[in-house]
Amino acid sequence: MLATTKLVRKLVRTIAGDNIYGKSYTDINLTNNDLRNVTFFVYEHKARELAKEIEAMLFIAGYKNKVKVTTSKYNDLGRCGGNTYLRINNCVLA
């Protein structure tokens, strides 16, 4: 069973609290247009811990969503990038 996007957002905001900043956004899954990936900007020093905790909570609740931590490369010239993201894959759009 896969978690819904609303459930994932509530769960992450409850667990992460002040460790996320900015808004979350939703991407269409590349392999299945009916599924979405929910992404949050997180502070790098807490990202791995948050990913493990959120994945454990989803597993306990019976969901099979995968949680990944990704980082964008910093661009010196454009002075942008270098962000850390918490991505929850394969969520049902709700």
PDB file of N, CA and C in Angstrom:
ATOM      1  N   MET A   1       0.837  -1.166   0.000  1.00  0.00           N
ATOM      2  CA  MET A   1       0.000   0.000   0.000  1.00  0.00           C
ATOM      3  C   MET A   1       0.894   1.246   0.000  1.00  0.00           C
ATOM      4  N   LEU A   2       0.496   2.259  -0.739  1.00  0.00           N
ATOM      5  CA  LEU A   2       1.262   3.501  -0.839  1.00  0.00           C
ATOM      6  C   LEU A   2       0.541   4.635  -0.117  1.00  0.00           C
ATOM      7  N   ALA A   3       1.303   5.503   0.518  1.00  0.00           N
ATOM      8  CA  ALA A   3       0.746   6.637   1.251  1.00  0.00           C
ATOM      9  C   ALA A   3       0.283   7.715   0.278  1.00  0.00           C
ATOM     10  N   THR A   4      -0.662   8.538   0.722  1.00  0.00           N
ATOM     11  CA  THR A   4      -1.132   9.651  -0.099  1.00  0.00           C
ATOM     12  C   THR A   4      -0.227  10.858   0.112  1.00  0.00           C
ATOM     13  N   THR A   5      -0.300  11.809  -0.804  1.00  0.00           N
ATOM     14  CA  THR A   5       0.533  13.010  -0.693  1.00  0.00           C
ATOM     15  C   THR A   5       0.169  13.824   0.545  1.00  0.00           C
ATOM     16  N   LYS A   6      -1.103  13.890   0.894  1.00  0.00           N
ATOM     17  CA  LYS A   6      -1.529  14.634   2.085  1.00  0.00           C
ATOM     18  C   LYS A   6      -0.970  14.002   3.359  1.00  0.00           C
ATOM     19  N   LEU A   7      -1.047  12.667   3.436  1.00  0.00           N
ATOM     20  CA  LEU A   7      -0.524  11.965   4.600  1.00  0.00           C
ATOM     21  C   LEU A   7       0.974  12.174   4.746  1.00  0.00           C
ATOM     22  N   VAL A   8       1.695  12.103   3.647  1.00  0.00           N
ATOM     23  CA  VAL A   8       3.142  12.282   3.669  1.00  0.00           C
ATOM     24  C   VAL A   8       3.500  13.691   4.143  1.00  0.00           C
ATOM     25  N   ARG A   9       2.806  14.696   3.640  1.00  0.00           N
ATOM     26  CA  ARG A   9       3.092  16.073   4.070  1.00  0.00           C
ATOM     27  C   ARG A   9       2.846  16.266   5.562  1.00  0.00           C
ATOM     28  N   LYS A  10       1.741  15.730   6.069  1.00  0.00           N
ATOM     29  CA  LYS A  10       1.450  15.846   7.505  1.00  0.00           C
ATOM     30  C   LYS A  10       2.497  15.117   8.339  1.00  0.00           C
ATOM     31  N   LEU A  11       2.849  13.919   7.925  1.00  0.00           N
ATOM     32  CA  LEU A  11       3.829  13.117   8.661  1.00  0.00           C
ATOM     33  C   LEU A  11       5.188  13.806   8.706  1.00  0.00           C
ATOM     34  N   VAL A  12       5.657  14.285   7.576  1.00  0.00           N
ATOM     35  CA  VAL A  12       6.973  14.926   7.519  1.00  0.00           C
ATOM     36  C   VAL A  12       6.977  16.208   8.342  1.00  0.00           C
ATOM     37  N   ARG A  13       5.952  17.013   8.224  1.00  0.00           N
ATOM     38  CA  ARG A  13       5.919  18.265   9.005  1.00  0.00           C
ATOM     39  C   ARG A  13       5.825  17.998  10.500  1.00  0.00           C
ATOM     40  N   THR A  14       5.154  16.921  10.882  1.00  0.00           N
ATOM     41  CA  THR A  14       5.059  16.570  12.297  1.00  0.00           C
ATOM     42  C   THR A  14       6.408  16.099  12.829  1.00  0.00           C
ATOM     43  N   ILE A  15       7.079  15.248  12.084  1.00  0.00           N
ATOM     44  CA  ILE A  15       8.362  14.696  12.539  1.00  0.00           C
ATOM     45  C   ILE A  15       9.484  15.705  12.394  1.00  0.00           C
ATOM     46  N   ALA A  16       9.565  16.379  11.266  1.00  0.00           N
ATOM     47  CA  ALA A  16      10.703  17.257  10.975  1.00  0.00           C
ATOM     48  C   ALA A  16      10.629  18.586  11.706  1.00  0.00           C
ATOM     49  N   GLY A  17       9.445  19.131  11.851  1.00  0.00           N
ATOM     50  CA  GLY A  17       9.299  20.401  12.546  1.00  0.00           C
ATOM     51  C   GLY A  17      10.111  21.518  11.910  1.00  0.00           C
ATOM     52  N   ASP A  18      11.068  22.070  12.656  1.00  0.00           N
ATOM     53  CA  ASP A  18      11.872  23.197  12.190  1.00  0.00           C
ATOM     54  C   ASP A  18      13.004  22.794  11.251  1.00  0.00           C
ATOM     55  N   ASN A  19      13.189  21.508  10.992  1.00  0.00           N
ATOM     56  CA  ASN A  19      14.285  21.058  10.138  1.00  0.00           C
ATOM     57  C   ASN A  19      13.965  21.142   8.653  1.00  0.00           C
ATOM     58  N   ILE A  20      12.721  21.476   8.306  1.00  0.00           N
ATOM     59  CA  ILE A  20      12.392  21.721   6.902  1.00  0.00           C
ATOM     60  C   ILE A  20      12.191  23.219   6.733  1.00  0.00           C
ATOM     61  N   TYR A  21      12.536  23.711   5.579  1.00  0.00           N
ATOM     62  CA  TYR A  21      12.308  25.126   5.311  1.00  0.00           C
ATOM     63  C   TYR A  21      11.750  25.273   3.913  1.00  0.00           C
ATOM     64  N   GLY A  22      10.991  26.305   3.711  1.00  0.00           N
ATOM     65  CA  GLY A  22      10.351  26.489   2.418  1.00  0.00           C
ATOM     66  C   GLY A  22       9.157  25.565   2.272  1.00  0.00           C
ATOM     67  N   LYS A  23       8.619  25.538   1.087  1.00  0.00           N
ATOM     68  CA  LYS A  23       7.442  24.733   0.802  1.00  0.00           C
ATOM     69  C   LYS A  23       7.852  23.398   0.197  1.00  0.00           C
ATOM     70  N   SER A  24       6.952  22.449   0.278  1.00  0.00           N
ATOM     71  CA  SER A  24       7.177  21.180  -0.400  1.00  0.00           C
ATOM     72  C   SER A  24       6.614  21.288  -1.809  1.00  0.00           C
ATOM     73  N   TYR A  25       7.073  20.421  -2.685  1.00  0.00           N
ATOM     74  CA  TYR A  25       6.493  20.388  -4.023  1.00  0.00           C
ATOM     75  C   TYR A  25       6.334  18.948  -4.472  1.00  0.00           C
ATOM     76  N   THR A  26       5.521  18.753  -5.490  1.00  0.00           N
ATOM     77  CA  THR A  26       5.163  17.426  -5.965  1.00  0.00           C
ATOM     78  C   THR A  26       5.569  17.273  -7.421  1.00  0.00           C
ATOM     79  N   ASP A  27       6.233  16.163  -7.722  1.00  0.00           N
ATOM     80  CA  ASP A  27       6.643  15.826  -9.091  1.00  0.00           C
ATOM     81  C   ASP A  27       5.860  14.620  -9.575  1.00  0.00           C
ATOM     82  N   ILE A  28       5.623  14.549 -10.868  1.00  0.00           N
ATOM     83  CA  ILE A  28       5.024  13.355 -11.454  1.00  0.00           C
ATOM     84  C   ILE A  28       6.078  12.268 -11.486  1.00  0.00           C
ATOM     85  N   ASN A  29       5.695  11.074 -11.119  1.00  0.00           N
ATOM     86  CA  ASN A  29       6.593   9.919 -11.156  1.00  0.00           C
ATOM     87  C   ASN A  29       6.883   9.569 -12.615  1.00  0.00           C
ATOM     88  N   LEU A  30       8.131   9.279 -12.923  1.00  0.00           N
ATOM     89  CA  LEU A  30       8.519   8.996 -14.310  1.00  0.00           C
ATOM     90  C   LEU A  30       7.964   7.675 -14.833  1.00  0.00           C
ATOM     91  N   THR A  31       7.788   6.692 -13.954  1.00  0.00           N
ATOM     92  CA  THR A  31       7.340   5.381 -14.411  1.00  0.00           C
ATOM     93  C   THR A  31       5.829   5.208 -14.385  1.00  0.00           C
ATOM     94  N   ASN A  32       5.126   6.024 -13.574  1.00  0.00           N
ATOM     95  CA  ASN A  32       3.675   5.886 -13.445  1.00  0.00           C
ATOM     96  C   ASN A  32       3.068   7.273 -13.269  1.00  0.00           C
ATOM     97  N   ASN A  33       2.303   7.741 -14.230  1.00  0.00           N
ATOM     98  CA  ASN A  33       1.719   9.088 -14.181  1.00  0.00           C
ATOM     99  C   ASN A  33       0.662   9.258 -13.095  1.00  0.00           C
ATOM    100  N   ASP A  34       0.188   8.164 -12.505  1.00  0.00           N
ATOM    101  CA  ASP A  34      -0.806   8.245 -11.440  1.00  0.00           C
ATOM    102  C   ASP A  34      -0.161   8.488 -10.069  1.00  0.00           C
ATOM    103  N   LEU A  35       1.152   8.338  -9.968  1.00  0.00           N
ATOM    104  CA  LEU A  35       1.859   8.511  -8.702  1.00  0.00           C
ATOM    105  C   LEU A  35       2.646   9.814  -8.691  1.00  0.00           C
ATOM    106  N   ARG A  36       2.947  10.295  -7.500  1.00  0.00           N
ATOM    107  CA  ARG A  36       3.701  11.539  -7.331  1.00  0.00           C
ATOM    108  C   ARG A  36       4.860  11.326  -6.364  1.00  0.00           C
ATOM    109  N   ASN A  37       5.879  12.171  -6.478  1.00  0.00           N
ATOM    110  CA  ASN A  37       6.993  12.213  -5.542  1.00  0.00           C
ATOM    111  C   ASN A  37       6.905  13.539  -4.795  1.00  0.00           C
ATOM    112  N   VAL A  38       6.896  13.496  -3.468  1.00  0.00           N
ATOM    113  CA  VAL A  38       6.793  14.704  -2.656  1.00  0.00           C
ATOM    114  C   VAL A  38       8.189  15.054  -2.157  1.00  0.00           C
ATOM    115  N   THR A  39       8.597  16.316  -2.342  1.00  0.00           N
ATOM    116  CA  THR A  39       9.948  16.744  -2.007  1.00  0.00           C
ATOM    117  C   THR A  39       9.913  17.927  -1.050  1.00  0.00           C
ATOM    118  N   PHE A  40      10.810  17.885  -0.060  1.00  0.00           N
ATOM    119  CA  PHE A  40      10.946  18.946   0.936  1.00  0.00           C
ATOM    120  C   PHE A  40      12.384  19.438   0.946  1.00  0.00           C
ATOM    121  N   PHE A  41      12.587  20.745   1.143  1.00  0.00           N
ATOM    122  CA  PHE A  41      13.922  21.281   1.406  1.00  0.00           C
ATOM    123  C   PHE A  41      14.208  21.023   2.879  1.00  0.00           C
ATOM    124  N   VAL A  42      15.357  20.454   3.194  1.00  0.00           N
ATOM    125  CA  VAL A  42      15.720  20.187   4.590  1.00  0.00           C
ATOM    126  C   VAL A  42      17.126  20.691   4.869  1.00  0.00           C
ATOM    127  N   TYR A  43      17.427  20.888   6.151  1.00  0.00           N
ATOM    128  CA  TYR A  43      18.785  21.254   6.540  1.00  0.00           C
ATOM    129  C   TYR A  43      19.667  20.015   6.457  1.00  0.00           C
ATOM    130  N   GLU A  44      20.832  20.172   5.867  1.00  0.00           N
ATOM    131  CA  GLU A  44      21.694  19.042   5.547  1.00  0.00           C
ATOM    132  C   GLU A  44      22.094  18.219   6.766  1.00  0.00           C
ATOM    133  N   HIS A  45      22.364  18.852   7.890  1.00  0.00           N
ATOM    134  CA  HIS A  45      22.863  18.119   9.055  1.00  0.00           C
ATOM    135  C   HIS A  45      21.828  17.167   9.664  1.00  0.00           C
ATOM    136  N   LYS A  46      20.559  17.326   9.351  1.00  0.00           N
ATOM    137  CA  LYS A  46      19.508  16.448   9.887  1.00  0.00           C
ATOM    138  C   LYS A  46      18.863  15.560   8.824  1.00  0.00           C
ATOM    139  N   ALA A  47      19.273  15.660   7.593  1.00  0.00           N
ATOM    140  CA  ALA A  47      18.583  14.999   6.490  1.00  0.00           C
ATOM    141  C   ALA A  47      18.577  13.475   6.614  1.00  0.00           C
ATOM    142  N   ARG A  48      19.715  12.865   6.869  1.00  0.00           N
ATOM    143  CA  ARG A  48      19.787  11.399   6.939  1.00  0.00           C
ATOM    144  C   ARG A  48      18.964  10.845   8.099  1.00  0.00           C
ATOM    145  N   GLU A  49      19.036  11.501   9.245  1.00  0.00           N
ATOM    146  CA  GLU A  49      18.252  11.068  10.403  1.00  0.00           C
ATOM    147  C   GLU A  49      16.755  11.154  10.116  1.00  0.00           C
ATOM    148  N   LEU A  50      16.343  12.262   9.510  1.00  0.00           N
ATOM    149  CA  LEU A  50      14.933  12.433   9.165  1.00  0.00           C
ATOM    150  C   LEU A  50      14.462  11.363   8.188  1.00  0.00           C
ATOM    151  N   ALA A  51      15.282  11.067   7.191  1.00  0.00           N
ATOM    152  CA  ALA A  51      14.906  10.063   6.187  1.00  0.00           C
ATOM    153  C   ALA A  51      14.687   8.707   6.847  1.00  0.00           C
ATOM    154  N   LYS A  52      15.580   8.314   7.743  1.00  0.00           N
ATOM    155  CA  LYS A  52      15.439   7.019   8.427  1.00  0.00           C
ATOM    156  C   LYS A  52      14.190   6.993   9.298  1.00  0.00           C
ATOM    157  N   GLU A  53      13.950   8.078  10.021  1.00  0.00           N
ATOM    158  CA  GLU A  53      12.801   8.133  10.920  1.00  0.00           C
ATOM    159  C   GLU A  53      11.482   8.115  10.140  1.00  0.00           C
ATOM    160  N   ILE A  54      11.411   8.860   9.060  1.00  0.00           N
ATOM    161  CA  ILE A  54      10.179   8.914   8.259  1.00  0.00           C
ATOM    162  C   ILE A  54       9.928   7.581   7.571  1.00  0.00           C
ATOM    163  N   GLU A  55      10.968   6.975   7.034  1.00  0.00           N
ATOM    164  CA  GLU A  55      10.798   5.673   6.382  1.00  0.00           C
ATOM    165  C   GLU A  55      10.348   4.618   7.399  1.00  0.00           C
ATOM    166  N   ALA A  56      10.877   4.669   8.619  1.00  0.00           N
ATOM    167  CA  ALA A  56      10.464   3.734   9.666  1.00  0.00           C
ATOM    168  C   ALA A  56       8.994   3.938  10.025  1.00  0.00           C
ATOM    169  N   MET A  57       8.561   5.199  10.144  1.00  0.00           N
ATOM    170  CA  MET A  57       7.167   5.483  10.480  1.00  0.00           C
ATOM    171  C   MET A  57       6.225   5.004   9.365  1.00  0.00           C
ATOM    172  N   LEU A  58       6.613   5.218   8.116  1.00  0.00           N
ATOM    173  CA  LEU A  58       5.792   4.744   7.000  1.00  0.00           C
ATOM    174  C   LEU A  58       5.713   3.222   6.995  1.00  0.00           C
ATOM    175  N   PHE A  59       6.834   2.550   7.289  1.00  0.00           N
ATOM    176  CA  PHE A  59       6.875   1.089   7.319  1.00  0.00           C
ATOM    177  C   PHE A  59       5.976   0.546   8.427  1.00  0.00           C
ATOM    178  N   ILE A  60       6.051   1.163   9.598  1.00  0.00           N
ATOM    179  CA  ILE A  60       5.219   0.725  10.728  1.00  0.00           C
ATOM    180  C   ILE A  60       3.737   0.873  10.400  1.00  0.00           C
ATOM    181  N   ALA A  61       3.399   1.940   9.680  1.00  0.00           N
ATOM    182  CA  ALA A  61       2.002   2.175   9.296  1.00  0.00           C
ATOM    183  C   ALA A  61       1.561   1.285   8.134  1.00  0.00           C
ATOM    184  N   GLY A  62       2.485   0.534   7.547  1.00  0.00           N
ATOM    185  CA  GLY A  62       2.132  -0.397   6.476  1.00  0.00           C
ATOM    186  C   GLY A  62       2.306   0.144   5.068  1.00  0.00           C
ATOM    187  N   TYR A  63       3.007   1.269   4.927  1.00  0.00           N
ATOM    188  CA  TYR A  63       3.226   1.850   3.606  1.00  0.00           C
ATOM    189  C   TYR A  63       4.591   1.445   3.062  1.00  0.00           C
ATOM    190  N   LYS A  64       4.697   1.381   1.729  1.00  0.00           N
ATOM    191  CA  LYS A  64       5.925   0.913   1.086  1.00  0.00           C
ATOM    192  C   LYS A  64       6.649   2.019   0.317  1.00  0.00           C
ATOM    193  N   ASN A  65       6.447   3.256   0.695  1.00  0.00           N
ATOM    194  CA  ASN A  65       7.115   4.371   0.022  1.00  0.00           C
ATOM    195  C   ASN A  65       8.589   4.409   0.396  1.00  0.00           C
ATOM    196  N   LYS A  66       9.425   4.800  -0.542  1.00  0.00           N
ATOM    197  CA  LYS A  66      10.858   4.943  -0.309  1.00  0.00           C
ATOM    198  C   LYS A  66      11.188   6.405  -0.045  1.00  0.00           C
ATOM    199  N   VAL A  67      12.122   6.633   0.865  1.00  0.00           N
ATOM    200  CA  VAL A  67      12.556   7.975   1.225  1.00  0.00           C
ATOM    201  C   VAL A  67      14.019   8.123   0.828  1.00  0.00           C
ATOM    202  N   LYS A  68      14.321   9.197   0.088  1.00  0.00           N
ATOM    203  CA  LYS A  68      15.686   9.440  -0.366  1.00  0.00           C
ATOM    204  C   LYS A  68      16.123  10.842   0.030  1.00  0.00           C
ATOM    205  N   VAL A  69      17.428  10.997   0.236  1.00  0.00           N
ATOM    206  CA  VAL A  69      18.015  12.313   0.466  1.00  0.00           C
ATOM    207  C   VAL A  69      18.875  12.624  -0.749  1.00  0.00           C
ATOM    208  N   THR A  70      18.632  13.765  -1.379  1.00  0.00           N
ATOM    209  CA  THR A  70      19.415  14.185  -2.536  1.00  0.00           C
ATOM    210  C   THR A  70      19.951  15.593  -2.304  1.00  0.00           C
ATOM    211  N   THR A  71      21.046  15.904  -2.970  1.00  0.00           N
ATOM    212  CA  THR A  71      21.668  17.218  -2.847  1.00  0.00           C
ATOM    213  C   THR A  71      21.961  17.755  -4.236  1.00  0.00           C
ATOM    214  N   SER A  72      21.639  19.020  -4.458  1.00  0.00           N
ATOM    215  CA  SER A  72      21.969  19.638  -5.742  1.00  0.00           C
ATOM    216  C   SER A  72      23.367  20.238  -5.668  1.00  0.00           C
ATOM    217  N   LYS A  73      24.027  20.275  -6.778  1.00  0.00           N
ATOM    218  CA  LYS A  73      25.386  20.800  -6.844  1.00  0.00           C
ATOM    219  C   LYS A  73      25.362  22.328  -6.784  1.00  0.00           C
ATOM    220  N   TYR A  74      26.283  22.899  -6.037  1.00  0.00           N
ATOM    221  CA  TYR A  74      26.351  24.355  -5.910  1.00  0.00           C
ATOM    222  C   TYR A  74      27.022  24.949  -7.137  1.00  0.00           C
ATOM    223  N   ASN A  75      26.458  26.031  -7.666  1.00  0.00           N
ATOM    224  CA  ASN A  75      26.996  26.720  -8.827  1.00  0.00           C
ATOM    225  C   ASN A  75      27.590  28.051  -8.347  1.00  0.00           C
ATOM    226  N   ASP A  76      28.939  28.159  -8.361  1.00  0.00           N
ATOM    227  CA  ASP A  76      29.605  29.377  -7.897  1.00  0.00           C
ATOM    228  C   ASP A  76      29.236  30.590  -8.743  1.00  0.00           C
ATOM    229  N   LEU A  77      29.199  30.415 -10.042  1.00  0.00           N
ATOM    230  CA  LEU A  77      28.918  31.520 -10.939  1.00  0.00           C
ATOM    231  C   LEU A  77      27.510  32.083 -10.729  1.00  0.00           C
ATOM    232  N   GLY A  78      26.531  31.208 -10.637  1.00  0.00           N
ATOM    233  CA  GLY A  78      25.150  31.652 -10.455  1.00  0.00           C
ATOM    234  C   GLY A  78      24.757  31.832  -9.001  1.00  0.00           C
ATOM    235  N   ARG A  79      25.648  31.428  -8.098  1.00  0.00           N
ATOM    236  CA  ARG A  79      25.379  31.484  -6.655  1.00  0.00           C
ATOM    237  C   ARG A  79      24.047  30.847  -6.301  1.00  0.00           C
ATOM    238  N   CYS A  80      23.849  29.644  -6.817  1.00  0.00           N
ATOM    239  CA  CYS A  80      22.622  28.924  -6.524  1.00  0.00           C
ATOM    240  C   CYS A  80      22.915  27.438  -6.385  1.00  0.00           C
ATOM    241  N   GLY A  81      21.974  26.711  -5.883  1.00  0.00           N
ATOM    242  CA  GLY A  81      22.138  25.276  -5.705  1.00  0.00           C
ATOM    243  C   GLY A  81      22.701  24.950  -4.342  1.00  0.00           C
ATOM    244  N   GLY A  82      23.183  23.734  -4.194  1.00  0.00           N
ATOM    245  CA  GLY A  82      23.734  23.292  -2.934  1.00  0.00           C
ATOM    246  C   GLY A  82      22.680  22.966  -1.895  1.00  0.00           C
ATOM    247  N   ASN A  83      21.446  22.753  -2.327  1.00  0.00           N
ATOM    248  CA  ASN A  83      20.351  22.451  -1.404  1.00  0.00           C
ATOM    249  C   ASN A  83      20.249  20.952  -1.155  1.00  0.00           C
ATOM    250  N   THR A  84      19.707  20.605  -0.006  1.00  0.00           N
ATOM    251  CA  THR A  84      19.461  19.213   0.343  1.00  0.00           C
ATOM    252  C   THR A  84      17.951  18.991   0.354  1.00  0.00           C
ATOM    253  N   TYR A  85      17.529  17.879  -0.243  1.00  0.00           N
ATOM    254  CA  TYR A  85      16.106  17.586  -0.384  1.00  0.00           C
ATOM    255  C   TYR A  85      15.781  16.231   0.236  1.00  0.00           C
ATOM    256  N   LEU A  86      14.608  16.140   0.809  1.00  0.00           N
ATOM    257  CA  LEU A  86      14.064  14.893   1.302  1.00  0.00           C
ATOM    258  C   LEU A  86      12.939  14.527   0.354  1.00  0.00           C
ATOM    259  N   ARG A  87      13.075  13.392  -0.328  1.00  0.00           N
ATOM    260  CA  ARG A  87      12.108  13.015  -1.369  1.00  0.00           C
ATOM    261  C   ARG A  87      11.423  11.707  -0.987  1.00  0.00           C
ATOM    262  N   ILE A  88      10.102  11.718  -0.941  1.00  0.00           N
ATOM    263  CA  ILE A  88       9.318  10.532  -0.679  1.00  0.00           C
ATOM    264  C   ILE A  88       8.688  10.107  -1.998  1.00  0.00           C
ATOM    265  N   ASN A  89       9.070   8.939  -2.478  1.00  0.00           N
ATOM    266  CA  ASN A  89       8.669   8.473  -3.803  1.00  0.00           C
ATOM    267  C   ASN A  89       7.361   7.681  -3.781  1.00  0.00           C
ATOM    268  N   ASN A  90       6.700   7.688  -4.913  1.00  0.00           N
ATOM    269  CA  ASN A  90       5.511   6.859  -5.186  1.00  0.00           C
ATOM    270  C   ASN A  90       4.353   7.114  -4.236  1.00  0.00           C
ATOM    271  N   CYS A  91       3.908   8.342  -4.147  1.00  0.00           N
ATOM    272  CA  CYS A  91       2.745   8.689  -3.328  1.00  0.00           C
ATOM    273  C   CYS A  91       1.508   8.761  -4.225  1.00  0.00           C
ATOM    274  N   VAL A  92       0.385   8.384  -3.666  1.00  0.00           N
ATOM    275  CA  VAL A  92      -0.886   8.471  -4.386  1.00  0.00           C
ATOM    276  C   VAL A  92      -1.383   9.902  -4.259  1.00  0.00           C
ATOM    277  N   LEU A  93      -1.728  10.511  -5.381  1.00  0.00           N
ATOM    278  CA  LEU A  93      -2.190  11.899  -5.379  1.00  0.00           C
ATOM    279  C   LEU A  93      -3.518  12.012  -4.650  1.00  0.00           C
ATOM    280  N   ALA A  94      -3.547  12.897  -3.646  1.00  0.00           N
ATOM    281  CA  ALA A  94      -4.795  13.112  -2.882  1.00  0.00           C
ATOM    282  C   ALA A  94      -4.887  14.569  -2.477  1.00  0.00           C
TER     283      ALA A  94
END
